[in-house]
């Protein structure tokens, strides 16, 4: 879906602390999946930085954690590590909204070739 432009990237979302535990976060994320599907996307890529949010994306939205990095490894432009000592992490979660035949493994060499050709042109 990324090679065909059918993947939506959502790097950040938030819920007010005053509504924690009332289902607002779950409702917002489930609605995000519905809107992405309505607008023709096959995949939604999200980056939850909180365990509760990651839980919503994986349990209720069917997401799969594709990668995770500790916040301690984040380096600022100045070269320091402002989050050193924190125990948080950031994940990359993929929510497949619609199975597309173009996402099958047999097409991957063609998409790789497309990326190589386009990067050579640029």
Foldseek 3Di string as FASTA:
>chain_A
DVLVVQEAEDEDDDDDPVCPPVCPLLVVVQVVLVVSVVVRHFKYKYKDFDPVNVCSCCPVQVKDWPDKDALQPDADPVGDRPCNPDRIMITIIMRGSHDDPCPDPVNVVVSVVVVVVVVVVD
